[in-house]
Amino acid sequence: MLIDSHCHLDFPDFEDERDAIVERAREAGVRRFVTISTRVKQFEQVHALTEAYDDVYCSVGTHPHNADEELDIETADLVRLAEGPKVVAIGEAGLDYFYDNAPREAQATGFRRHVAAARQTGLPLVIHSRAADDDMIAILEDESKKGAFPFILHCFSAGRALAETGVKLGGYVSFSGILTFKNSQDIREIAADIPAERILVETDAPYLAPVPHRGGRNEPAYVADTARVLAETRAVSYEEILRQTSENAFRVFAKMPRPAS
């Protein structure tokens, strides 16, 4: 089976045909969707999707772009909202210095609160990191000294040092459609070297549609295209990538049940 470990089914891009999009993904072999929160204050919209679809699960958190809007959200708030049976992760949170849509201090403050929530709940922290490798490494190493916490470096597009640090600290590395892009050879080289038990696949839909869909709207069914390229990159069969990434997903999203069959 396939697990889309990171998508945004609540986004308006899907509003007019969400049922059809979910069904197309199921036909492509997707058995679990994790739809990711970007604003805690819009969490109810995200959570509602988990009630509408049996195979959709969610996270709770604040994207770094929105960090300064939600500095009133404390770790305790995240922990409380994560109690629901279909909330399987914290985040996405992290650092984004590429756009710098929020002050860097606000991003770091929010990120550390999310780390604390992941540590308290045992749920994986979905980490967004873009153009911030050095600071991300520093925070991960500092926070890990306070106690281990599960995490995923989502939509990986950073340098080798961050990937290696993430793995060393017990994290997972998730690959999106970026892996399929012609100019992503450096990402494919990193993907080839990550331990098999630490790899995941995702779409980040509606963004970053993989080849051959690049340039259009992404959707969860296309996670299969990224998985095929990951298999080629690692010189293993497509079936092995399906098995390994699914096993990894159920391990890190430990609260998310496996399908009955």
C-alpha atoms as a PDB file:
ATOM      1  CA  MET A   1       0.000   0.000   0.000  1.00  0.00           C
ATOM      2  CA  LEU A   2       0.940   3.661  -0.222  1.00  0.00           C
ATOM      3  CA  ILE A   3       0.731   6.222   2.580  1.00  0.00           C
ATOM      4  CA  ASP A   4       0.594   9.904   1.680  1.00  0.00           C
ATOM      5  CA  SER A   5       2.319  11.086   4.824  1.00  0.00           C
ATOM      6  CA  HIS A   6       1.767  14.787   4.119  1.00  0.00           C
ATOM      7  CA  CYS A   7      -0.985  16.500   2.160  1.00  0.00           C
ATOM      8  CA  HIS A   8      -3.378  19.410   2.633  1.00  0.00           C
ATOM      9  CA  LEU A   9      -6.843  18.116   1.813  1.00  0.00           C
ATOM     10  CA  ASP A  10      -8.458  21.102   3.522  1.00  0.00           C
ATOM     11  CA  PHE A  11      -6.992  23.601   1.054  1.00  0.00           C
ATOM     12  CA  PRO A  12      -9.463  25.325  -1.299  1.00  0.00           C
ATOM     13  CA  ASP A  13      -7.665  23.793  -4.315  1.00  0.00           C
ATOM     14  CA  PHE A  14      -9.566  20.566  -3.572  1.00  0.00           C
ATOM     15  CA  GLU A  15     -12.882  21.958  -2.439  1.00  0.00           C
ATOM     16  CA  ASP A  16     -14.888  21.293  -5.603  1.00  0.00           C
ATOM     17  CA  GLU A  17     -13.832  17.657  -6.075  1.00  0.00           C
ATOM     18  CA  ARG A  18     -12.433  16.379  -2.785  1.00  0.00           C
ATOM     19  CA  ASP A  19     -14.399  13.120  -2.898  1.00  0.00           C
ATOM     20  CA  ALA A  20     -13.105  12.341  -6.390  1.00  0.00           C
ATOM     21  CA  ILE A  21      -9.520  13.175  -5.395  1.00  0.00           C
ATOM     22  CA  VAL A  22      -9.652  10.849  -2.407  1.00  0.00           C
ATOM     23  CA  GLU A  23     -11.145   8.098  -4.554  1.00  0.00           C
ATOM     24  CA  ARG A  24      -8.462   8.483  -7.248  1.00  0.00           C
ATOM     25  CA  ALA A  25      -5.806   8.120  -4.565  1.00  0.00           C
ATOM     26  CA  ARG A  26      -7.448   4.973  -3.240  1.00  0.00           C
ATOM     27  CA  GLU A  27      -7.466   3.548  -6.767  1.00  0.00           C
ATOM     28  CA  ALA A  28      -3.726   4.305  -6.987  1.00  0.00           C
ATOM     29  CA  GLY A  29      -3.119   2.273  -3.831  1.00  0.00           C
ATOM     30  CA  VAL A  30      -3.160   4.985  -1.155  1.00  0.00           C
ATOM     31  CA  ARG A  31      -4.599   3.518   2.048  1.00  0.00           C
ATOM     32  CA  ARG A  32      -3.854   6.298   4.514  1.00  0.00           C
ATOM     33  CA  PHE A  33      -3.724  10.092   4.172  1.00  0.00           C
ATOM     34  CA  VAL A  34      -2.234  12.438   6.771  1.00  0.00           C
ATOM     35  CA  THR A  35      -3.650  15.895   6.157  1.00  0.00           C
ATOM     36  CA  ILE A  36      -1.488  18.519   7.800  1.00  0.00           C
ATOM     37  CA  SER A  37      -2.479  21.507   9.899  1.00  0.00           C
ATOM     38  CA  THR A  38      -0.933  24.892   9.103  1.00  0.00           C
ATOM     39  CA  ARG A  39      -2.902  27.051  11.555  1.00  0.00           C
ATOM     40  CA  VAL A  40      -4.144  25.843  14.919  1.00  0.00           C
ATOM     41  CA  LYS A  41      -6.980  28.350  14.662  1.00  0.00           C
ATOM     42  CA  GLN A  42      -8.215  26.483  11.570  1.00  0.00           C
ATOM     43  CA  PHE A  43      -7.692  23.037  13.100  1.00  0.00           C
ATOM     44  CA  GLU A  44     -11.392  22.219  13.213  1.00  0.00           C
ATOM     45  CA  GLN A  45     -11.566  22.397   9.408  1.00  0.00           C
ATOM     46  CA  VAL A  46      -8.669  19.951   9.144  1.00  0.00           C
ATOM     47  CA  HIS A  47     -10.079  17.642  11.788  1.00  0.00           C
ATOM     48  CA  ALA A  48     -13.494  17.600  10.101  1.00  0.00           C
ATOM     49  CA  LEU A  49     -11.932  15.781   7.148  1.00  0.00           C
ATOM     50  CA  THR A  50     -10.883  12.920   9.407  1.00  0.00           C
ATOM     51  CA  GLU A  51     -14.538  12.509  10.344  1.00  0.00           C
ATOM     52  CA  ALA A  52     -15.649  12.606   6.710  1.00  0.00           C
ATOM     53  CA  TYR A  53     -13.167   9.954   5.512  1.00  0.00           C
ATOM     54  CA  ASP A  54     -12.260   6.826   7.456  1.00  0.00           C
ATOM     55  CA  ASP A  55      -8.739   6.673   5.971  1.00  0.00           C
ATOM     56  CA  VAL A  56      -7.793  10.327   6.592  1.00  0.00           C
ATOM     57  CA  TYR A  57      -5.842  11.328   9.710  1.00  0.00           C
ATOM     58  CA  CYS A  58      -4.428  14.703  10.674  1.00  0.00           C
ATOM     59  CA  SER A  59      -1.922  16.768  12.626  1.00  0.00           C
ATOM     60  CA  VAL A  60      -2.278  19.922  14.700  1.00  0.00           C
ATOM     61  CA  GLY A  61       0.156  22.807  14.456  1.00  0.00           C
ATOM     62  CA  THR A  62       1.288  26.135  13.044  1.00  0.00           C
ATOM     63  CA  HIS A  63       3.314  26.475   9.850  1.00  0.00           C
ATOM     64  CA  PRO A  64       6.377  28.752  10.234  1.00  0.00           C
ATOM     65  CA  HIS A  65       4.837  31.162   7.709  1.00  0.00           C
ATOM     66  CA  ASN A  66       2.084  31.771  10.275  1.00  0.00           C
ATOM     67  CA  ALA A  67       4.203  31.629  13.420  1.00  0.00           C
ATOM     68  CA  ASP A  68       3.725  35.257  14.435  1.00  0.00           C
ATOM     69  CA  GLU A  69      -0.062  34.930  14.082  1.00  0.00           C
ATOM     70  CA  GLU A  70      -0.233  32.163  16.681  1.00  0.00           C
ATOM     71  CA  LEU A  71       2.243  33.035  19.396  1.00  0.00           C
ATOM     72  CA  ASP A  72      -0.700  32.800  21.785  1.00  0.00           C
ATOM     73  CA  ILE A  73      -0.824  29.048  21.099  1.00  0.00           C
ATOM     74  CA  GLU A  74       1.060  27.308  23.889  1.00  0.00           C
ATOM     75  CA  THR A  75       2.412  23.767  24.104  1.00  0.00           C
ATOM     76  CA  ALA A  76      -0.502  22.837  26.363  1.00  0.00           C
ATOM     77  CA  ASP A  77      -2.961  23.856  23.650  1.00  0.00           C
ATOM     78  CA  LEU A  78      -1.247  21.582  21.133  1.00  0.00           C
ATOM     79  CA  VAL A  79      -1.204  18.702  23.594  1.00  0.00           C
ATOM     80  CA  ARG A  80      -4.901  19.118  24.356  1.00  0.00           C
ATOM     81  CA  LEU A  81      -5.944  19.236  20.709  1.00  0.00           C
ATOM     82  CA  ALA A  82      -3.797  16.208  19.923  1.00  0.00           C
ATOM     83  CA  GLU A  83      -5.865  13.984  22.216  1.00  0.00           C
ATOM     84  CA  GLY A  84      -8.400  13.087  19.521  1.00  0.00           C
ATOM     85  CA  PRO A  85      -8.109   9.551  18.123  1.00  0.00           C
ATOM     86  CA  LYS A  86      -7.439  10.708  14.562  1.00  0.00           C
ATOM     87  CA  VAL A  87      -4.790  13.306  15.429  1.00  0.00           C
ATOM     88  CA  VAL A  88      -1.562  11.425  14.737  1.00  0.00           C
ATOM     89  CA  ALA A  89       1.079  14.169  14.571  1.00  0.00           C
ATOM     90  CA  ILE A  90       2.154  17.630  15.729  1.00  0.00           C
ATOM     91  CA  GLY A  91       2.918  20.349  13.182  1.00  0.00           C
ATOM     92  CA  GLU A  92       3.817  21.291  10.646  1.00  0.00           C
ATOM     93  CA  ALA A  93       6.213  23.652  12.351  1.00  0.00           C
ATOM     94  CA  GLY A  94       9.774  24.718  11.756  1.00  0.00           C
ATOM     95  CA  LEU A  95      11.875  27.366  10.061  1.00  0.00           C
ATOM     96  CA  ASP A  96      11.510  28.934   6.626  1.00  0.00           C
ATOM     97  CA  TYR A  97      14.161  31.510   5.775  1.00  0.00           C
ATOM     98  CA  PHE A  98      13.475  31.307   2.029  1.00  0.00           C
ATOM     99  CA  TYR A  99      10.304  33.401   2.260  1.00  0.00           C
ATOM    100  CA  ASP A 100      10.757  34.816   5.786  1.00  0.00           C
ATOM    101  CA  ASN A 101       7.007  35.372   6.006  1.00  0.00           C
ATOM    102  CA  ALA A 102       7.251  35.494   9.801  1.00  0.00           C
ATOM    103  CA  PRO A 103      10.017  36.933  12.000  1.00  0.00           C
ATOM    104  CA  ARG A 104      12.695  34.318  12.635  1.00  0.00           C
ATOM    105  CA  GLU A 105      12.408  34.701  16.397  1.00  0.00           C
ATOM    106  CA  ALA A 106       8.683  33.923  16.196  1.00  0.00           C
ATOM    107  CA  GLN A 107       9.391  30.875  14.027  1.00  0.00           C
ATOM    108  CA  ALA A 108      11.932  29.533  16.531  1.00  0.00           C
ATOM    109  CA  THR A 109       9.640  30.178  19.506  1.00  0.00           C
ATOM    110  CA  GLY A 110       6.738  28.400  17.868  1.00  0.00           C
ATOM    111  CA  PHE A 111       8.929  25.549  16.706  1.00  0.00           C
ATOM    112  CA  ARG A 112      10.267  24.858  20.195  1.00  0.00           C
ATOM    113  CA  ARG A 113       6.720  24.785  21.578  1.00  0.00           C
ATOM    114  CA  HIS A 114       5.840  22.175  18.964  1.00  0.00           C
ATOM    115  CA  VAL A 115       8.928  20.154  19.892  1.00  0.00           C
ATOM    116  CA  ALA A 116       7.773  20.163  23.501  1.00  0.00           C
ATOM    117  CA  ALA A 117       4.316  18.987  22.431  1.00  0.00           C
ATOM    118  CA  ALA A 118       5.834  16.127  20.417  1.00  0.00           C
ATOM    119  CA  ARG A 119       7.946  15.140  23.415  1.00  0.00           C
ATOM    120  CA  GLN A 120       4.946  15.184  25.758  1.00  0.00           C
ATOM    121  CA  THR A 121       2.533  13.335  23.490  1.00  0.00           C
ATOM    122  CA  GLY A 122       4.945  10.964  21.777  1.00  0.00           C
ATOM    123  CA  LEU A 123       3.423  12.012  18.438  1.00  0.00           C
ATOM    124  CA  PRO A 124       5.830  12.799  15.599  1.00  0.00           C
ATOM    125  CA  LEU A 125       6.630  16.425  14.876  1.00  0.00           C
ATOM    126  CA  VAL A 126       6.236  17.237  11.182  1.00  0.00           C
ATOM    127  CA  ILE A 127       9.097  19.629  10.437  1.00  0.00           C
ATOM    128  CA  HIS A 128       9.179  22.234   7.685  1.00  0.00           C
ATOM    129  CA  SER A 129      12.720  23.435   7.043  1.00  0.00           C
ATOM    130  CA  ARG A 130      13.697  25.592   4.093  1.00  0.00           C
ATOM    131  CA  ALA A 131      16.942  27.556   3.660  1.00  0.00           C
ATOM    132  CA  ALA A 132      17.521  27.237   7.412  1.00  0.00           C
ATOM    133  CA  ASP A 133      19.757  24.179   7.722  1.00  0.00           C
ATOM    134  CA  ASP A 134      22.234  25.519  10.280  1.00  0.00           C
ATOM    135  CA  ASP A 135      19.615  26.872  12.669  1.00  0.00           C
ATOM    136  CA  MET A 136      17.454  23.774  12.255  1.00  0.00           C
ATOM    137  CA  ILE A 137      20.382  21.499  13.102  1.00  0.00           C
ATOM    138  CA  ALA A 138      21.214  23.641  16.131  1.00  0.00           C
ATOM    139  CA  ILE A 139      17.645  23.549  17.475  1.00  0.00           C
ATOM    140  CA  LEU A 140      17.230  19.813  16.862  1.00  0.00           C
ATOM    141  CA  GLU A 141      20.468  19.045  18.667  1.00  0.00           C
ATOM    142  CA  ASP A 142      19.645  21.400  21.538  1.00  0.00           C
ATOM    143  CA  GLU A 143      16.113  20.093  21.995  1.00  0.00           C
ATOM    144  CA  SER A 144      17.238  16.469  21.770  1.00  0.00           C
ATOM    145  CA  LYS A 145      19.444  17.048  24.804  1.00  0.00           C
ATOM    146  CA  LYS A 146      16.268  17.823  26.777  1.00  0.00           C
ATOM    147  CA  GLY A 147      14.720  14.504  25.812  1.00  0.00           C
ATOM    148  CA  ALA A 148      14.091  12.529  22.642  1.00  0.00           C
ATOM    149  CA  PHE A 149      11.058  13.246  20.465  1.00  0.00           C
ATOM    150  CA  PRO A 150       9.898  11.655  17.192  1.00  0.00           C
ATOM    151  CA  PHE A 151      10.050  13.814  14.078  1.00  0.00           C
ATOM    152  CA  ILE A 152       9.847  13.869  10.297  1.00  0.00           C
ATOM    153  CA  LEU A 153      11.857  16.155   8.014  1.00  0.00           C
ATOM    154  CA  HIS A 154       9.037  16.620   5.543  1.00  0.00           C
ATOM    155  CA  CYS A 155       9.345  17.440   1.827  1.00  0.00           C
ATOM    156  CA  PHE A 156      13.103  17.115   2.109  1.00  0.00           C
ATOM    157  CA  SER A 157      14.991  19.594  -0.062  1.00  0.00           C
ATOM    158  CA  ALA A 158      17.855  20.562   2.255  1.00  0.00           C
ATOM    159  CA  GLY A 159      21.505  19.613   2.506  1.00  0.00           C
ATOM    160  CA  ARG A 160      23.079  16.331   3.462  1.00  0.00           C
ATOM    161  CA  ALA A 161      24.118  17.584   6.903  1.00  0.00           C
ATOM    162  CA  LEU A 162      20.503  18.129   7.954  1.00  0.00           C
ATOM    163  CA  ALA A 163      19.462  14.705   6.679  1.00  0.00           C
ATOM    164  CA  GLU A 164      22.305  13.014   8.516  1.00  0.00           C
ATOM    165  CA  THR A 165      21.598  14.946  11.717  1.00  0.00           C
ATOM    166  CA  GLY A 166      17.916  14.047  11.507  1.00  0.00           C
ATOM    167  CA  VAL A 167      18.661  10.358  11.131  1.00  0.00           C
ATOM    168  CA  LYS A 168      21.268  10.444  13.906  1.00  0.00           C
ATOM    169  CA  LEU A 169      18.693  11.937  16.266  1.00  0.00           C
ATOM    170  CA  GLY A 170      16.122   9.294  15.400  1.00  0.00           C
ATOM    171  CA  GLY A 171      14.099  11.191  12.809  1.00  0.00           C
ATOM    172  CA  TYR A 172      12.602  10.225   9.464  1.00  0.00           C
ATOM    173  CA  VAL A 173      13.141  11.861   6.071  1.00  0.00           C
ATOM    174  CA  SER A 174      10.160  12.261   3.745  1.00  0.00           C
ATOM    175  CA  PHE A 175      10.466  12.765  -0.006  1.00  0.00           C
ATOM    176  CA  SER A 176       7.981  14.620  -2.175  1.00  0.00           C
ATOM    177  CA  GLY A 177       7.652  15.293  -5.894  1.00  0.00           C
ATOM    178  CA  ILE A 178      10.857  17.337  -5.699  1.00  0.00           C
ATOM    179  CA  LEU A 179      12.673  14.002  -5.839  1.00  0.00           C
ATOM    180  CA  THR A 180      11.467  13.543  -9.433  1.00  0.00           C
ATOM    181  CA  PHE A 181      12.609  16.936 -10.744  1.00  0.00           C
ATOM    182  CA  LYS A 182      15.434  16.975 -13.271  1.00  0.00           C
ATOM    183  CA  ASN A 183      17.536  19.389 -11.199  1.00  0.00           C
ATOM    184  CA  SER A 184      17.187  17.364  -7.961  1.00  0.00           C
ATOM    185  CA  GLN A 185      20.123  15.007  -8.410  1.00  0.00           C
ATOM    186  CA  ASP A 186      21.590  16.088  -5.058  1.00  0.00           C
ATOM    187  CA  ILE A 187      18.317  15.161  -3.326  1.00  0.00           C
ATOM    188  CA  ARG A 188      18.264  11.790  -5.075  1.00  0.00           C
ATOM    189  CA  GLU A 189      21.831  11.128  -3.907  1.00  0.00           C
ATOM    190  CA  ILE A 190      20.779  11.838  -0.330  1.00  0.00           C
ATOM    191  CA  ALA A 191      17.670   9.679  -0.755  1.00  0.00           C
ATOM    192  CA  ALA A 192      19.830   6.800  -1.921  1.00  0.00           C
ATOM    193  CA  ASP A 193      21.837   6.896   1.303  1.00  0.00           C
ATOM    194  CA  ILE A 194      19.131   7.304   3.972  1.00  0.00           C
ATOM    195  CA  PRO A 195      18.646   4.088   5.988  1.00  0.00           C
ATOM    196  CA  ALA A 196      15.678   2.158   4.602  1.00  0.00           C
ATOM    197  CA  GLU A 197      13.856   2.240   7.927  1.00  0.00           C
ATOM    198  CA  ARG A 198      13.816   6.065   7.932  1.00  0.00           C
ATOM    199  CA  ILE A 199      12.285   6.934   4.524  1.00  0.00           C
ATOM    200  CA  LEU A 200       8.757   8.153   3.811  1.00  0.00           C
ATOM    201  CA  VAL A 201       6.908   9.442   0.750  1.00  0.00           C
ATOM    202  CA  GLU A 202       4.423  12.283   0.508  1.00  0.00           C
ATOM    203  CA  THR A 203       2.822  14.686  -1.936  1.00  0.00           C
ATOM    204  CA  ASP A 204       2.531  17.979  -0.020  1.00  0.00           C
ATOM    205  CA  ALA A 205      -0.497  18.316  -2.297  1.00  0.00           C
ATOM    206  CA  PRO A 206      -1.657  20.625  -3.776  1.00  0.00           C
ATOM    207  CA  TYR A 207       1.966  21.708  -4.203  1.00  0.00           C
ATOM    208  CA  LEU A 208       4.991  20.179  -5.962  1.00  0.00           C
ATOM    209  CA  ALA A 209       3.368  17.757  -8.388  1.00  0.00           C
ATOM    210  CA  PRO A 210       5.910  15.136  -9.437  1.00  0.00           C
ATOM    211  CA  VAL A 211       6.966  14.392 -12.988  1.00  0.00           C
ATOM    212  CA  PRO A 212       4.971  13.677 -15.215  1.00  0.00           C
ATOM    213  CA  HIS A 213       2.415  16.022 -13.603  1.00  0.00           C
ATOM    214  CA  ARG A 214       4.825  18.850 -12.824  1.00  0.00           C
ATOM    215  CA  GLY A 215       3.345  22.282 -13.344  1.00  0.00           C
ATOM    216  CA  GLY A 216      -0.179  21.195 -12.458  1.00  0.00           C
ATOM    217  CA  ARG A 217      -2.023  20.788  -9.203  1.00  0.00           C
ATOM    218  CA  ASN A 218      -0.706  17.946  -7.101  1.00  0.00           C
ATOM    219  CA  GLU A 219      -2.994  15.349  -5.490  1.00  0.00           C
ATOM    220  CA  PRO A 220      -2.468  12.324  -3.231  1.00  0.00           C
ATOM    221  CA  ALA A 221      -2.692   9.765  -6.061  1.00  0.00           C
ATOM    222  CA  TYR A 222       0.569  11.144  -7.422  1.00  0.00           C
ATOM    223  CA  VAL A 223       2.514   9.875  -4.410  1.00  0.00           C
ATOM    224  CA  ALA A 224       2.885   6.720  -6.527  1.00  0.00           C
ATOM    225  CA  ASP A 225       5.063   8.638  -9.009  1.00  0.00           C
ATOM    226  CA  THR A 226       7.407   9.785  -6.251  1.00  0.00           C
ATOM    227  CA  ALA A 227       7.550   6.242  -4.859  1.00  0.00           C
ATOM    228  CA  ARG A 228       8.586   4.885  -8.276  1.00  0.00           C
ATOM    229  CA  VAL A 229      11.446   7.361  -8.537  1.00  0.00           C
ATOM    230  CA  LEU A 230      12.498   6.592  -4.973  1.00  0.00           C
ATOM    231  CA  ALA A 231      12.628   2.895  -5.898  1.00  0.00           C
ATOM    232  CA  GLU A 232      14.798   3.654  -8.933  1.00  0.00           C
ATOM    233  CA  THR A 233      17.012   5.922  -6.862  1.00  0.00           C
ATOM    234  CA  ARG A 234      17.578   3.242  -4.243  1.00  0.00           C
ATOM    235  CA  ALA A 235      17.860   0.435  -6.821  1.00  0.00           C
ATOM    236  CA  VAL A 236      15.068  -1.608  -5.277  1.00  0.00           C
ATOM    237  CA  SER A 237      11.705  -2.740  -6.595  1.00  0.00           C
ATOM    238  CA  TYR A 238       8.618  -0.553  -6.477  1.00  0.00           C
ATOM    239  CA  GLU A 239       6.974  -3.225  -4.301  1.00  0.00           C
ATOM    240  CA  GLU A 240       9.828  -2.970  -1.806  1.00  0.00           C
ATOM    241  CA  ILE A 241       9.419   0.804  -1.573  1.00  0.00           C
ATOM    242  CA  LEU A 242       5.694   0.355  -0.966  1.00  0.00           C
ATOM    243  CA  ARG A 243       6.380  -2.153   1.795  1.00  0.00           C
ATOM    244  CA  GLN A 244       9.178  -0.177   3.444  1.00  0.00           C
ATOM    245  CA  THR A 245       7.576   3.266   3.375  1.00  0.00           C
ATOM    246  CA  SER A 246       4.281   1.865   4.660  1.00  0.00           C
ATOM    247  CA  GLU A 247       6.013   0.039   7.508  1.00  0.00           C
ATOM    248  CA  ASN A 248       7.892   3.224   8.359  1.00  0.00           C
ATOM    249  CA  ALA A 249       4.721   5.320   8.256  1.00  0.00           C
ATOM    250  CA  PHE A 250       2.877   3.051  10.682  1.00  0.00           C
ATOM    251  CA  ARG A 251       5.916   3.038  12.960  1.00  0.00           C
ATOM    252  CA  VAL A 252       6.305   6.807  13.161  1.00  0.00           C
ATOM    253  CA  PHE A 253       2.556   7.559  13.095  1.00  0.00           C
ATOM    254  CA  ALA A 254       2.096   4.978  15.825  1.00  0.00           C
ATOM    255  CA  LYS A 255      -1.406   6.210  16.651  1.00  0.00           C
ATOM    256  CA  MET A 256      -2.612   5.570  13.063  1.00  0.00           C
ATOM    257  CA  PRO A 257      -4.073   2.058  12.726  1.00  0.00           C
ATOM    258  CA  ARG A 258      -3.274  -0.249   9.856  1.00  0.00           C
ATOM    259  CA  PRO A 259      -6.088  -1.153   7.462  1.00  0.00           C
ATOM    260  CA  ALA A 260      -7.996  -4.285   8.418  1.00  0.00           C
ATOM    261  CA  SER A 261      -6.799  -6.038   5.256  1.00  0.00           C
END
